């Protein structure tokens, strides 16, 4: 949302199918693969920690 990208655009950049991105986003895919999450993180220029532990900076 922060980048204002559509799911379709993120799918094109990441190589992860748009329906999979939609399912991850709306919580219907409870266990996304590590590989898909890695691809999404890279496309968003994020680290996996930023996705899985969004408040990890506050933990220090």
PDB file of N, CA and C in Angstrom:
ATOM      1  N   UNK A   1       0.832  -1.191   0.000  1.00  0.00           N
ATOM      2  CA  UNK A   1       0.000   0.000   0.000  1.00  0.00           C
ATOM      3  C   UNK A   1       0.875   1.253   0.000  1.00  0.00           C
ATOM      4  N   UNK A   2       1.954   1.208   0.770  1.00  0.00           N
ATOM      5  CA  UNK A   2       2.823   2.365   0.887  1.00  0.00           C
ATOM      6  C   UNK A   2       3.370   2.803  -0.471  1.00  0.00           C
ATOM      7  N   UNK A   3       3.683   1.839  -1.328  1.00  0.00           N
ATOM      8  CA  UNK A   3       4.221   2.153  -2.655  1.00  0.00           C
ATOM      9  C   UNK A   3       3.121   2.466  -3.668  1.00  0.00           C
ATOM     10  N   UNK A   4       1.863   2.196  -3.265  1.00  0.00           N
ATOM     11  CA  UNK A   4       0.713   2.418  -4.141  1.00  0.00           C
ATOM     12  C   UNK A   4       0.779   1.556  -5.405  1.00  0.00           C
ATOM     13  N   UNK A   5       1.287   0.335  -5.236  1.00  0.00           N
ATOM     14  CA  UNK A   5       1.359  -0.617  -6.339  1.00  0.00           C
ATOM     15  C   UNK A   5       0.132  -1.502  -6.324  1.00  0.00           C
ATOM     16  N   UNK A   6      -0.292  -1.897  -7.493  1.00  0.00           N
ATOM     17  CA  UNK A   6      -1.367  -2.882  -7.574  1.00  0.00           C
ATOM     18  C   UNK A   6      -0.778  -4.272  -7.334  1.00  0.00           C
ATOM     19  N   UNK A   7      -1.641  -5.210  -7.013  1.00  0.00           N
ATOM     20  CA  UNK A   7      -1.190  -6.590  -6.857  1.00  0.00           C
ATOM     21  C   UNK A   7      -0.636  -7.115  -8.184  1.00  0.00           C
ATOM     22  N   UNK A   8      -1.221  -6.686  -9.277  1.00  0.00           N
ATOM     23  CA  UNK A   8      -0.759  -7.121 -10.599  1.00  0.00           C
ATOM     24  C   UNK A   8       0.660  -6.637 -10.859  1.00  0.00           C
ATOM     25  N   UNK A   9       0.933  -5.391 -10.507  1.00  0.00           N
ATOM     26  CA  UNK A   9       2.277  -4.842 -10.701  1.00  0.00           C
ATOM     27  C   UNK A   9       3.288  -5.580  -9.824  1.00  0.00           C
ATOM     28  N   UNK A  10       2.937  -5.819  -8.569  1.00  0.00           N
ATOM     29  CA  UNK A  10       3.820  -6.559  -7.669  1.00  0.00           C
ATOM     30  C   UNK A  10       4.047  -7.971  -8.201  1.00  0.00           C
ATOM     31  N   UNK A  11       3.022  -8.578  -8.737  1.00  0.00           N
ATOM     32  CA  UNK A  11       3.160  -9.913  -9.322  1.00  0.00           C
ATOM     33  C   UNK A  11       4.147  -9.898 -10.486  1.00  0.00           C
ATOM     34  N   UNK A  12       4.065  -8.880 -11.324  1.00  0.00           N
ATOM     35  CA  UNK A  12       4.988  -8.770 -12.452  1.00  0.00           C
ATOM     36  C   UNK A  12       6.433  -8.598 -11.971  1.00  0.00           C
ATOM     37  N   UNK A  13       6.634  -7.772 -10.969  1.00  0.00           N
ATOM     38  CA  UNK A  13       7.982  -7.521 -10.452  1.00  0.00           C
ATOM     39  C   UNK A  13       8.563  -8.715  -9.711  1.00  0.00           C
ATOM     40  N   UNK A  14       7.719  -9.402  -8.967  1.00  0.00           N
ATOM     41  CA  UNK A  14       8.205 -10.469  -8.092  1.00  0.00           C
ATOM     42  C   UNK A  14       8.207 -11.849  -8.737  1.00  0.00           C
ATOM     43  N   UNK A  15       7.345 -12.051  -9.723  1.00  0.00           N
ATOM     44  CA  UNK A  15       7.202 -13.378 -10.303  1.00  0.00           C
ATOM     45  C   UNK A  15       6.271 -14.271  -9.504  1.00  0.00           C
ATOM     46  N   UNK A  16       5.608 -13.703  -8.497  1.00  0.00           N
ATOM     47  CA  UNK A  16       4.629 -14.438  -7.695  1.00  0.00           C
ATOM     48  C   UNK A  16       3.252 -14.172  -8.311  1.00  0.00           C
ATOM     49  N   UNK A  17       2.473 -15.204  -8.574  1.00  0.00           N
ATOM     50  CA  UNK A  17       1.160 -14.990  -9.202  1.00  0.00           C
ATOM     51  C   UNK A  17       0.270 -14.035  -8.396  1.00  0.00           C
ATOM     52  N   UNK A  18      -0.476 -13.200  -9.095  1.00  0.00           N
ATOM     53  CA  UNK A  18      -1.338 -12.218  -8.444  1.00  0.00           C
ATOM     54  C   UNK A  18      -2.345 -12.862  -7.494  1.00  0.00           C
ATOM     55  N   UNK A  19      -2.965 -13.999  -7.862  1.00  0.00           N
ATOM     56  CA  UNK A  19      -3.901 -14.605  -6.896  1.00  0.00           C
ATOM     57  C   UNK A  19      -3.201 -15.007  -5.582  1.00  0.00           C
ATOM     58  N   UNK A  20      -1.963 -15.436  -5.673  1.00  0.00           N
ATOM     59  CA  UNK A  20      -1.208 -15.787  -4.462  1.00  0.00           C
ATOM     60  C   UNK A  20      -0.966 -14.548  -3.621  1.00  0.00           C
ATOM     61  N   UNK A  21      -0.598 -13.441  -4.257  1.00  0.00           N
ATOM     62  CA  UNK A  21      -0.394 -12.182  -3.534  1.00  0.00           C
ATOM     63  C   UNK A  21      -1.687 -11.752  -2.856  1.00  0.00           C
ATOM     64  N   UNK A  22      -2.800 -11.871  -3.564  1.00  0.00           N
ATOM     65  CA  UNK A  22      -4.096 -11.525  -2.991  1.00  0.00           C
ATOM     66  C   UNK A  22      -4.408 -12.380  -1.768  1.00  0.00           C
ATOM     67  N   UNK A  23      -4.161 -13.674  -1.874  1.00  0.00           N
ATOM     68  CA  UNK A  23      -4.432 -14.578  -0.752  1.00  0.00           C
ATOM     69  C   UNK A  23      -3.552 -14.268   0.449  1.00  0.00           C
ATOM     70  N   UNK A  24      -2.290 -13.934   0.207  1.00  0.00           N
ATOM     71  CA  UNK A  24      -1.385 -13.568   1.301  1.00  0.00           C
ATOM     72  C   UNK A  24      -1.877 -12.287   1.955  1.00  0.00           C
ATOM     73  N   UNK A  25      -2.242 -11.324   1.131  1.00  0.00           N
ATOM     74  CA  UNK A  25      -2.673 -10.028   1.640  1.00  0.00           C
ATOM     75  C   UNK A  25      -3.952 -10.118   2.463  1.00  0.00           C
ATOM     76  N   UNK A  26      -4.903 -10.930   2.016  1.00  0.00           N
ATOM     77  CA  UNK A  26      -6.175 -10.985   2.741  1.00  0.00           C
ATOM     78  C   UNK A  26      -6.228 -12.103   3.785  1.00  0.00           C
ATOM     79  N   UNK A  27      -5.133 -12.829   3.937  1.00  0.00           N
ATOM     80  CA  UNK A  27      -5.027 -13.811   5.007  1.00  0.00           C
ATOM     81  C   UNK A  27      -5.608 -15.178   4.721  1.00  0.00           C
ATOM     82  N   UNK A  28      -6.034 -15.437   3.483  1.00  0.00           N
ATOM     83  CA  UNK A  28      -6.588 -16.755   3.177  1.00  0.00           C
ATOM     84  C   UNK A  28      -5.502 -17.774   2.862  1.00  0.00           C
ATOM     85  N   UNK A  29      -4.300 -17.327   2.590  1.00  0.00           N
ATOM     86  CA  UNK A  29      -3.164 -18.242   2.423  1.00  0.00           C
ATOM     87  C   UNK A  29      -2.331 -18.118   3.690  1.00  0.00           C
ATOM     88  N   UNK A  30      -2.557 -19.020   4.618  1.00  0.00           N
ATOM     89  CA  UNK A  30      -1.943 -18.916   5.927  1.00  0.00           C
ATOM     90  C   UNK A  30      -0.458 -19.249   5.928  1.00  0.00           C
ATOM     91  N   UNK A  31      -0.025 -20.103   5.002  1.00  0.00           N
ATOM     92  CA  UNK A  31       1.365 -20.540   4.996  1.00  0.00           C
ATOM     93  C   UNK A  31       2.003 -20.317   3.628  1.00  0.00           C
ATOM     94  N   UNK A  32       2.300 -19.055   3.294  1.00  0.00           N
ATOM     95  CA  UNK A  32       2.960 -18.807   2.009  1.00  0.00           C
ATOM     96  C   UNK A  32       4.358 -19.421   2.013  1.00  0.00           C
ATOM     97  N   UNK A  33       4.836 -19.804   0.859  1.00  0.00           N
ATOM     98  CA  UNK A  33       6.161 -20.412   0.796  1.00  0.00           C
ATOM     99  C   UNK A  33       7.240 -19.374   1.086  1.00  0.00           C
ATOM    100  N   UNK A  34       8.336 -19.861   1.615  1.00  0.00           N
ATOM    101  CA  UNK A  34       9.479 -18.997   1.880  1.00  0.00           C
ATOM    102  C   UNK A  34       9.933 -18.331   0.584  1.00  0.00           C
ATOM    103  N   UNK A  35       9.973 -19.101  -0.494  1.00  0.00           N
ATOM    104  CA  UNK A  35      10.435 -18.573  -1.779  1.00  0.00           C
ATOM    105  C   UNK A  35       9.545 -17.420  -2.256  1.00  0.00           C
ATOM    106  N   UNK A  36       8.228 -17.564  -2.141  1.00  0.00           N
ATOM    107  CA  UNK A  36       7.332 -16.481  -2.554  1.00  0.00           C
ATOM    108  C   UNK A  36       7.519 -15.251  -1.682  1.00  0.00           C
ATOM    109  N   UNK A  37       7.667 -15.449  -0.386  1.00  0.00           N
ATOM    110  CA  UNK A  37       7.862 -14.302   0.500  1.00  0.00           C
ATOM    111  C   UNK A  37       9.185 -13.610   0.213  1.00  0.00           C
ATOM    112  N   UNK A  38      10.196 -14.387  -0.107  1.00  0.00           N
ATOM    113  CA  UNK A  38      11.500 -13.813  -0.462  1.00  0.00           C
ATOM    114  C   UNK A  38      11.380 -12.976  -1.743  1.00  0.00           C
ATOM    115  N   UNK A  39      10.684 -13.493  -2.737  1.00  0.00           N
ATOM    116  CA  UNK A  39      10.496 -12.761  -3.995  1.00  0.00           C
ATOM    117  C   UNK A  39       9.724 -11.460  -3.768  1.00  0.00           C
ATOM    118  N   UNK A  40       8.685 -11.526  -2.954  1.00  0.00           N
ATOM    119  CA  UNK A  40       7.897 -10.329  -2.665  1.00  0.00           C
ATOM    120  C   UNK A  40       8.740  -9.304  -1.916  1.00  0.00           C
ATOM    121  N   UNK A  41       9.481  -9.754  -0.929  1.00  0.00           N
ATOM    122  CA  UNK A  41      10.343  -8.847  -0.165  1.00  0.00           C
ATOM    123  C   UNK A  41      11.353  -8.167  -1.080  1.00  0.00           C
ATOM    124  N   UNK A  42      11.983  -8.932  -1.946  1.00  0.00           N
ATOM    125  CA  UNK A  42      12.969  -8.358  -2.872  1.00  0.00           C
ATOM    126  C   UNK A  42      12.325  -7.337  -3.797  1.00  0.00           C
ATOM    127  N   UNK A  43      11.143  -7.644  -4.321  1.00  0.00           N
ATOM    128  CA  UNK A  43      10.449  -6.714  -5.216  1.00  0.00           C
ATOM    129  C   UNK A  43      10.102  -5.417  -4.496  1.00  0.00           C
ATOM    130  N   UNK A  44       9.772  -5.522  -3.206  1.00  0.00           N
ATOM    131  CA  UNK A  44       9.413  -4.343  -2.408  1.00  0.00           C
ATOM    132  C   UNK A  44      10.626  -3.648  -1.794  1.00  0.00           C
ATOM    133  N   UNK A  45      11.809  -4.199  -2.063  1.00  0.00           N
ATOM    134  CA  UNK A  45      13.056  -3.675  -1.497  1.00  0.00           C
ATOM    135  C   UNK A  45      13.023  -3.713   0.031  1.00  0.00           C
ATOM    136  N   UNK A  46      12.557  -4.858   0.549  1.00  0.00           N
ATOM    137  CA  UNK A  46      12.479  -5.084   1.988  1.00  0.00           C
ATOM    138  C   UNK A  46      13.281  -6.327   2.346  1.00  0.00           C
ATOM    139  N   UNK A  47      13.589  -6.462   3.629  1.00  0.00           N
ATOM    140  CA  UNK A  47      14.179  -7.692   4.134  1.00  0.00           C
ATOM    141  C   UNK A  47      13.040  -8.573   4.627  1.00  0.00           C
ATOM    142  N   UNK A  48      13.276  -9.867   4.687  1.00  0.00           N
ATOM    143  CA  UNK A  48      12.238 -10.769   5.192  1.00  0.00           C
ATOM    144  C   UNK A  48      11.828 -10.389   6.605  1.00  0.00           C
ATOM    145  N   UNK A  49      12.771  -9.914   7.398  1.00  0.00           N
ATOM    146  CA  UNK A  49      12.454  -9.486   8.765  1.00  0.00           C
ATOM    147  C   UNK A  49      11.414  -8.369   8.773  1.00  0.00           C
ATOM    148  N   UNK A  50      11.472  -7.510   7.763  1.00  0.00           N
ATOM    149  CA  UNK A  50      10.518  -6.403   7.680  1.00  0.00           C
ATOM    150  C   UNK A  50       9.092  -6.908   7.456  1.00  0.00           C
ATOM    151  N   UNK A  51       8.981  -8.066   6.818  1.00  0.00           N
ATOM    152  CA  UNK A  51       7.664  -8.636   6.543  1.00  0.00           C
ATOM    153  C   UNK A  51       7.185  -9.490   7.710  1.00  0.00           C
ATOM    154  N   UNK A  52       8.041 -10.398   8.179  1.00  0.00           N
ATOM    155  CA  UNK A  52       7.633 -11.338   9.218  1.00  0.00           C
ATOM    156  C   UNK A  52       7.668 -10.750  10.621  1.00  0.00           C
ATOM    157  N   UNK A  53       8.528  -9.785  10.835  1.00  0.00           N
ATOM    158  CA  UNK A  53       8.646  -9.134  12.158  1.00  0.00           C
ATOM    159  C   UNK A  53       8.581  -7.628  11.971  1.00  0.00           C
ATOM    160  N   UNK A  54       7.415  -7.094  11.606  1.00  0.00           N
ATOM    161  CA  UNK A  54       7.322  -5.675  11.263  1.00  0.00           C
ATOM    162  C   UNK A  54       7.746  -4.730  12.386  1.00  0.00           C
ATOM    163  N   UNK A  55       7.703  -5.188  13.627  1.00  0.00           N
ATOM    164  CA  UNK A  55       8.107  -4.338  14.743  1.00  0.00           C
ATOM    165  C   UNK A  55       9.467  -4.725  15.308  1.00  0.00           C
ATOM    166  N   UNK A  56      10.267  -5.436  14.509  1.00  0.00           N
ATOM    167  CA  UNK A  56      11.537  -5.944  15.031  1.00  0.00           C
ATOM    168  C   UNK A  56      12.490  -4.828  15.457  1.00  0.00           C
ATOM    169  N   UNK A  57      12.380  -3.664  14.883  1.00  0.00           N
ATOM    170  CA  UNK A  57      13.242  -2.538  15.282  1.00  0.00           C
ATOM    171  C   UNK A  57      12.910  -2.106  16.696  1.00  0.00           C
ATOM    172  N   UNK A  58      11.635  -2.271  17.075  1.00  0.00           N
ATOM    173  CA  UNK A  58      11.203  -1.895  18.429  1.00  0.00           C
ATOM    174  C   UNK A  58      11.652  -2.896  19.483  1.00  0.00           C
ATOM    175  N   UNK A  59      12.105  -4.090  19.039  1.00  0.00           N
ATOM    176  CA  UNK A  59      12.480  -5.145  19.964  1.00  0.00           C
ATOM    177  C   UNK A  59      13.876  -4.944  20.540  1.00  0.00           C
ATOM    178  N   UNK A  60      14.662  -4.094  19.948  1.00  0.00           N
ATOM    179  CA  UNK A  60      16.045  -3.894  20.406  1.00  0.00           C
ATOM    180  C   UNK A  60      16.118  -3.110  21.672  1.00  0.00           C
TER     181      UNK A  60
END
